[in-house]
Amino acid sequence: MAEVKIEKKEDFDKALKKFRMQCKKERIVKEFRERQYYTKPSQKRRKNVKKKKRY
Protein backbone atom coordinates (compact mmCIF):
# COMPACT_ATOMS: atom_id res chain seq x y z
CA MET A 1 0.00 0.00 0.00
CA ALA A 2 1.55 3.28 -1.11
CA GLU A 3 1.62 5.95 1.56
CA VAL A 4 3.29 9.36 1.71
CA LYS A 5 3.43 11.52 4.81
CA ILE A 6 3.43 15.25 4.08
CA GLU A 7 5.30 17.63 6.32
CA LYS A 8 3.93 21.11 6.96
CA LYS A 9 6.50 22.87 4.79
CA GLU A 10 6.52 20.30 1.98
CA ASP A 11 5.05 21.27 -1.36
CA PHE A 12 2.01 19.29 -2.51
CA ASP A 13 3.48 18.71 -5.98
CA LYS A 14 6.56 17.06 -4.49
CA ALA A 15 4.40 14.85 -2.29
CA LEU A 16 2.29 13.86 -5.29
CA LYS A 17 5.45 12.99 -7.23
CA LYS A 18 6.67 10.80 -4.33
CA PHE A 19 3.29 9.06 -4.24
CA ARG A 20 3.37 8.35 -7.97
CA MET A 21 6.89 6.94 -7.70
CA GLN A 22 5.83 4.63 -4.88
CA CYS A 23 2.85 3.43 -6.92
CA LYS A 24 5.18 2.78 -9.82
CA LYS A 25 7.61 0.78 -7.66
CA GLU A 26 4.81 -1.31 -6.18
CA ARG A 27 3.25 -1.79 -9.64
CA ILE A 28 -0.19 -0.79 -8.40
CA VAL A 29 -1.37 0.80 -11.66
CA LYS A 30 -0.03 -2.05 -13.79
CA GLU A 31 -1.81 -4.65 -11.66
CA PHE A 32 -5.02 -2.63 -11.79
CA ARG A 33 -4.92 -2.50 -15.59
CA GLU A 34 -4.25 -6.23 -15.81
CA ARG A 35 -7.19 -7.01 -13.54
CA GLN A 36 -9.51 -4.55 -15.25
CA TYR A 37 -10.55 -7.13 -17.84
CA TYR A 38 -10.60 -10.91 -17.66
CA THR A 39 -7.99 -12.66 -19.75
CA LYS A 40 -8.28 -16.32 -20.43
CA PRO A 41 -5.42 -18.53 -19.22
CA SER A 42 -4.60 -19.49 -22.81
CA GLN A 43 -4.16 -15.81 -23.70
CA LYS A 44 -1.85 -15.32 -20.71
CA ARG A 45 0.30 -18.25 -21.85
CA ARG A 46 0.50 -16.85 -25.39
CA LYS A 47 1.54 -13.47 -24.03
CA ASN A 48 4.26 -15.06 -21.88
CA VAL A 49 5.60 -17.07 -24.82
CA LYS A 50 5.84 -13.91 -26.92
CA LYS A 51 7.80 -12.16 -24.17
CA LYS A 52 10.27 -15.03 -23.94
CA LYS A 53 10.86 -15.13 -27.70
CA ARG A 54 11.81 -11.44 -27.79
CA TYR A 55 14.91 -11.85 -25.65
PDB file of N, CA and C in Angstrom:
ATOM      1  N   MET A   1       0.837  -1.164   0.000  1.00  0.00           N
ATOM      2  CA  MET A   1       0.000   0.000   0.000  1.00  0.00           C
ATOM      3  C   MET A   1       0.891   1.240   0.000  1.00  0.00           C
ATOM      4  N   ALA A   2       0.740   2.072  -0.987  1.00  0.00           N
ATOM      5  CA  ALA A   2       1.546   3.280  -1.105  1.00  0.00           C
ATOM      6  C   ALA A   2       1.036   4.327  -0.116  1.00  0.00           C
ATOM      7  N   GLU A   3       1.980   4.946   0.575  1.00  0.00           N
ATOM      8  CA  GLU A   3       1.617   5.946   1.565  1.00  0.00           C
ATOM      9  C   GLU A   3       2.722   6.992   1.630  1.00  0.00           C
ATOM     10  N   VAL A   4       2.327   8.256   1.625  1.00  0.00           N
ATOM     11  CA  VAL A   4       3.288   9.358   1.713  1.00  0.00           C
ATOM     12  C   VAL A   4       2.830  10.290   2.819  1.00  0.00           C
ATOM     13  N   LYS A   5       3.747  10.583   3.736  1.00  0.00           N
ATOM     14  CA  LYS A   5       3.432  11.518   4.807  1.00  0.00           C
ATOM     15  C   LYS A   5       3.958  12.893   4.412  1.00  0.00           C
ATOM     16  N   ILE A   6       3.083  13.886   4.492  1.00  0.00           N
ATOM     17  CA  ILE A   6       3.432  15.245   4.077  1.00  0.00           C
ATOM     18  C   ILE A   6       3.786  16.062   5.314  1.00  0.00           C
ATOM     19  N   GLU A   7       4.920  16.727   5.247  1.00  0.00           N
ATOM     20  CA  GLU A   7       5.301  17.632   6.319  1.00  0.00           C
ATOM     21  C   GLU A   7       4.638  18.986   6.075  1.00  0.00           C
ATOM     22  N   LYS A   8       4.630  19.822   7.073  1.00  0.00           N
ATOM     23  CA  LYS A   8       3.934  21.111   6.965  1.00  0.00           C
ATOM     24  C   LYS A   8       4.534  21.992   5.875  1.00  0.00           C
ATOM     25  N   LYS A   9       5.838  21.993   5.749  1.00  0.00           N
ATOM     26  CA  LYS A   9       6.498  22.872   4.789  1.00  0.00           C
ATOM     27  C   LYS A   9       6.644  22.257   3.405  1.00  0.00           C
ATOM     28  N   GLU A  10       6.320  20.987   3.258  1.00  0.00           N
ATOM     29  CA  GLU A  10       6.522  20.297   1.982  1.00  0.00           C
ATOM     30  C   GLU A  10       5.477  20.712   0.940  1.00  0.00           C
ATOM     31  N   ASP A  11       5.915  20.874  -0.258  1.00  0.00           N
ATOM     32  CA  ASP A  11       5.047  21.266  -1.363  1.00  0.00           C
ATOM     33  C   ASP A  11       4.176  20.077  -1.775  1.00  0.00           C
ATOM     34  N   PHE A  12       2.934  20.362  -2.122  1.00  0.00           N
ATOM     35  CA  PHE A  12       2.006  19.289  -2.506  1.00  0.00           C
ATOM     36  C   PHE A  12       2.475  18.579  -3.771  1.00  0.00           C
ATOM     37  N   ASP A  13       3.017  19.323  -4.728  1.00  0.00           N
ATOM     38  CA  ASP A  13       3.476  18.711  -5.981  1.00  0.00           C
ATOM     39  C   ASP A  13       4.581  17.696  -5.735  1.00  0.00           C
ATOM     40  N   LYS A  14       5.483  18.001  -4.818  1.00  0.00           N
ATOM     41  CA  LYS A  14       6.563  17.060  -4.487  1.00  0.00           C
ATOM     42  C   LYS A  14       5.997  15.801  -3.836  1.00  0.00           C
ATOM     43  N   ALA A  15       5.025  15.989  -2.956  1.00  0.00           N
ATOM     44  CA  ALA A  15       4.397  14.847  -2.289  1.00  0.00           C
ATOM     45  C   ALA A  15       3.662  13.969  -3.305  1.00  0.00           C
ATOM     46  N   LEU A  16       3.002  14.606  -4.255  1.00  0.00           N
ATOM     47  CA  LEU A  16       2.295  13.862  -5.295  1.00  0.00           C
ATOM     48  C   LEU A  16       3.279  13.067  -6.148  1.00  0.00           C
ATOM     49  N   LYS A  17       4.418  13.671  -6.449  1.00  0.00           N
ATOM     50  CA  LYS A  17       5.454  12.989  -7.228  1.00  0.00           C
ATOM     51  C   LYS A  17       5.987  11.774  -6.470  1.00  0.00           C
ATOM     52  N   LYS A  18       6.206  11.922  -5.161  1.00  0.00           N
ATOM     53  CA  LYS A  18       6.667  10.802  -4.332  1.00  0.00           C
ATOM     54  C   LYS A  18       5.642   9.675  -4.346  1.00  0.00           C
ATOM     55  N   PHE A  19       4.357  10.057  -4.239  1.00  0.00           N
ATOM     56  CA  PHE A  19       3.290   9.057  -4.240  1.00  0.00           C
ATOM     57  C   PHE A  19       3.254   8.293  -5.556  1.00  0.00           C
ATOM     58  N   ARG A  20       3.378   8.999  -6.655  1.00  0.00           N
ATOM     59  CA  ARG A  20       3.373   8.350  -7.970  1.00  0.00           C
ATOM     60  C   ARG A  20       4.547   7.394  -8.118  1.00  0.00           C
ATOM     61  N   MET A  21       5.705   7.792  -7.622  1.00  0.00           N
ATOM     62  CA  MET A  21       6.885   6.936  -7.700  1.00  0.00           C
ATOM     63  C   MET A  21       6.691   5.669  -6.873  1.00  0.00           C
ATOM     64  N   GLN A  22       6.094   5.801  -5.707  1.00  0.00           N
ATOM     65  CA  GLN A  22       5.828   4.629  -4.879  1.00  0.00           C
ATOM     66  C   GLN A  22       4.850   3.690  -5.574  1.00  0.00           C
ATOM     67  N   CYS A  23       3.817   4.258  -6.190  1.00  0.00           N
ATOM     68  CA  CYS A  23       2.848   3.430  -6.915  1.00  0.00           C
ATOM     69  C   CYS A  23       3.533   2.700  -8.058  1.00  0.00           C
ATOM     70  N   LYS A  24       4.457   3.378  -8.716  1.00  0.00           N
ATOM     71  CA  LYS A  24       5.180   2.775  -9.825  1.00  0.00           C
ATOM     72  C   LYS A  24       6.059   1.626  -9.337  1.00  0.00           C
ATOM     73  N   LYS A  25       6.745   1.816  -8.223  1.00  0.00           N
ATOM     74  CA  LYS A  25       7.611   0.778  -7.660  1.00  0.00           C
ATOM     75  C   LYS A  25       6.812  -0.445  -7.233  1.00  0.00           C
ATOM     76  N   GLU A  26       5.644  -0.210  -6.661  1.00  0.00           N
ATOM     77  CA  GLU A  26       4.812  -1.310  -6.182  1.00  0.00           C
ATOM     78  C   GLU A  26       3.931  -1.896  -7.285  1.00  0.00           C
ATOM     79  N   ARG A  27       3.997  -1.325  -8.460  1.00  0.00           N
ATOM     80  CA  ARG A  27       3.250  -1.785  -9.642  1.00  0.00           C
ATOM     81  C   ARG A  27       1.746  -1.833  -9.409  1.00  0.00           C
ATOM     82  N   ILE A  28       1.235  -0.844  -8.719  1.00  0.00           N
ATOM     83  CA  ILE A  28      -0.188  -0.788  -8.399  1.00  0.00           C
ATOM     84  C   ILE A  28      -1.015  -0.538  -9.655  1.00  0.00           C
ATOM     85  N   VAL A  29      -0.605   0.433 -10.462  1.00  0.00           N
ATOM     86  CA  VAL A  29      -1.366   0.797 -11.657  1.00  0.00           C
ATOM     87  C   VAL A  29      -1.330  -0.342 -12.676  1.00  0.00           C
ATOM     88  N   LYS A  30      -0.164  -0.956 -12.840  1.00  0.00           N
ATOM     89  CA  LYS A  30      -0.032  -2.054 -13.793  1.00  0.00           C
ATOM     90  C   LYS A  30      -0.936  -3.224 -13.419  1.00  0.00           C
ATOM     91  N   GLU A  31      -0.956  -3.558 -12.126  1.00  0.00           N
ATOM     92  CA  GLU A  31      -1.805  -4.650 -11.665  1.00  0.00           C
ATOM     93  C   GLU A  31      -3.280  -4.308 -11.852  1.00  0.00           C
ATOM     94  N   PHE A  32      -3.641  -3.061 -11.605  1.00  0.00           N
ATOM     95  CA  PHE A  32      -5.020  -2.634 -11.791  1.00  0.00           C
ATOM     96  C   PHE A  32      -5.448  -2.808 -13.244  1.00  0.00           C
ATOM     97  N   ARG A  33      -4.581  -2.391 -14.167  1.00  0.00           N
ATOM     98  CA  ARG A  33      -4.917  -2.500 -15.586  1.00  0.00           C
ATOM     99  C   ARG A  33      -5.016  -3.949 -16.029  1.00  0.00           C
ATOM    100  N   GLU A  34      -4.177  -4.812 -15.465  1.00  0.00           N
ATOM    101  CA  GLU A  34      -4.245  -6.231 -15.807  1.00  0.00           C
ATOM    102  C   GLU A  34      -5.540  -6.849 -15.302  1.00  0.00           C
ATOM    103  N   ARG A  35      -5.984  -6.441 -14.138  1.00  0.00           N
ATOM    104  CA  ARG A  35      -7.188  -7.014 -13.540  1.00  0.00           C
ATOM    105  C   ARG A  35      -8.476  -6.349 -14.025  1.00  0.00           C
ATOM    106  N   GLN A  36      -8.344  -5.284 -14.792  1.00  0.00           N
ATOM    107  CA  GLN A  36      -9.511  -4.548 -15.246  1.00  0.00           C
ATOM    108  C   GLN A  36     -10.409  -5.424 -16.131  1.00  0.00           C
ATOM    109  N   TYR A  37      -9.796  -6.241 -16.950  1.00  0.00           N
ATOM    110  CA  TYR A  37     -10.545  -7.130 -17.839  1.00  0.00           C
ATOM    111  C   TYR A  37     -10.069  -8.557 -17.625  1.00  0.00           C
ATOM    112  N   TYR A  38     -10.956  -9.506 -17.810  1.00  0.00           N
ATOM    113  CA  TYR A  38     -10.605 -10.908 -17.663  1.00  0.00           C
ATOM    114  C   TYR A  38      -9.834 -11.374 -18.890  1.00  0.00           C
ATOM    115  N   THR A  39      -8.729 -12.041 -18.650  1.00  0.00           N
ATOM    116  CA  THR A  39      -7.988 -12.657 -19.753  1.00  0.00           C
ATOM    117  C   THR A  39      -7.955 -14.155 -19.517  1.00  0.00           C
ATOM    118  N   LYS A  40      -8.258 -14.873 -20.542  1.00  0.00           N
ATOM    119  CA  LYS A  40      -8.281 -16.320 -20.428  1.00  0.00           C
ATOM    120  C   LYS A  40      -6.868 -16.843 -20.180  1.00  0.00           C
ATOM    121  N   PRO A  41      -6.740 -17.966 -19.493  1.00  0.00           N
ATOM    122  CA  PRO A  41      -5.421 -18.534 -19.218  1.00  0.00           C
ATOM    123  C   PRO A  41      -4.617 -18.816 -20.493  1.00  0.00           C
ATOM    124  N   SER A  42      -5.310 -19.216 -21.553  1.00  0.00           N
ATOM    125  CA  SER A  42      -4.597 -19.487 -22.807  1.00  0.00           C
ATOM    126  C   SER A  42      -3.993 -18.204 -23.381  1.00  0.00           C
ATOM    127  N   GLN A  43      -4.697 -17.085 -23.230  1.00  0.00           N
ATOM    128  CA  GLN A  43      -4.161 -15.812 -23.704  1.00  0.00           C
ATOM    129  C   GLN A  43      -2.946 -15.392 -22.872  1.00  0.00           C
ATOM    130  N   LYS A  44      -2.982 -15.640 -21.570  1.00  0.00           N
ATOM    131  CA  LYS A  44      -1.851 -15.321 -20.706  1.00  0.00           C
ATOM    132  C   LYS A  44      -0.618 -16.124 -21.122  1.00  0.00           C
ATOM    133  N   ARG A  45      -0.825 -17.411 -21.419  1.00  0.00           N
ATOM    134  CA  ARG A  45       0.300 -18.255 -21.851  1.00  0.00           C
ATOM    135  C   ARG A  45       0.892 -17.749 -23.156  1.00  0.00           C
ATOM    136  N   ARG A  46       0.021 -17.378 -24.102  1.00  0.00           N
ATOM    137  CA  ARG A  46       0.504 -16.846 -25.386  1.00  0.00           C
ATOM    138  C   ARG A  46       1.318 -15.575 -25.179  1.00  0.00           C
ATOM    139  N   LYS A  47       0.841 -14.724 -24.312  1.00  0.00           N
ATOM    140  CA  LYS A  47       1.537 -13.470 -24.030  1.00  0.00           C
ATOM    141  C   LYS A  47       2.916 -13.750 -23.415  1.00  0.00           C
ATOM    142  N   ASN A  48       2.989 -14.707 -22.506  1.00  0.00           N
ATOM    143  CA  ASN A  48       4.263 -15.056 -21.877  1.00  0.00           C
ATOM    144  C   ASN A  48       5.229 -15.665 -22.880  1.00  0.00           C
ATOM    145  N   VAL A  49       4.740 -16.463 -23.799  1.00  0.00           N
ATOM    146  CA  VAL A  49       5.596 -17.067 -24.820  1.00  0.00           C
ATOM    147  C   VAL A  49       6.174 -15.993 -25.733  1.00  0.00           C
ATOM    148  N   LYS A  50       5.360 -15.012 -26.086  1.00  0.00           N
ATOM    149  CA  LYS A  50       5.839 -13.911 -26.923  1.00  0.00           C
ATOM    150  C   LYS A  50       6.937 -13.115 -26.228  1.00  0.00           C
ATOM    151  N   LYS A  51       6.786 -12.887 -24.924  1.00  0.00           N
ATOM    152  CA  LYS A  51       7.804 -12.158 -24.166  1.00  0.00           C
ATOM    153  C   LYS A  51       9.119 -12.916 -24.156  1.00  0.00           C
ATOM    154  N   LYS A  52       9.051 -14.228 -23.999  1.00  0.00           N
ATOM    155  CA  LYS A  52      10.270 -15.031 -23.939  1.00  0.00           C
ATOM    156  C   LYS A  52      10.987 -15.078 -25.279  1.00  0.00           C
ATOM    157  N   LYS A  53      10.249 -15.058 -26.375  1.00  0.00           N
ATOM    158  CA  LYS A  53      10.858 -15.126 -27.698  1.00  0.00           C
ATOM    159  C   LYS A  53      11.589 -13.849 -28.048  1.00  0.00           C
ATOM    160  N   ARG A  54      11.161 -12.722 -27.497  1.00  0.00           N
ATOM    161  CA  ARG A  54      11.805 -11.445 -27.791  1.00  0.00           C
ATOM    162  C   ARG A  54      13.269 -11.438 -27.388  1.00  0.00           C
ATOM    163  N   TYR A  55      13.565 -11.964 -26.215  1.00  0.00           N
ATOM    164  CA  TYR A  55      14.909 -11.853 -25.652  1.00  0.00           C
ATOM    165  C   TYR A  55      15.794 -12.965 -26.061  1.00  0.00           C
TER     166      TYR A  55
END
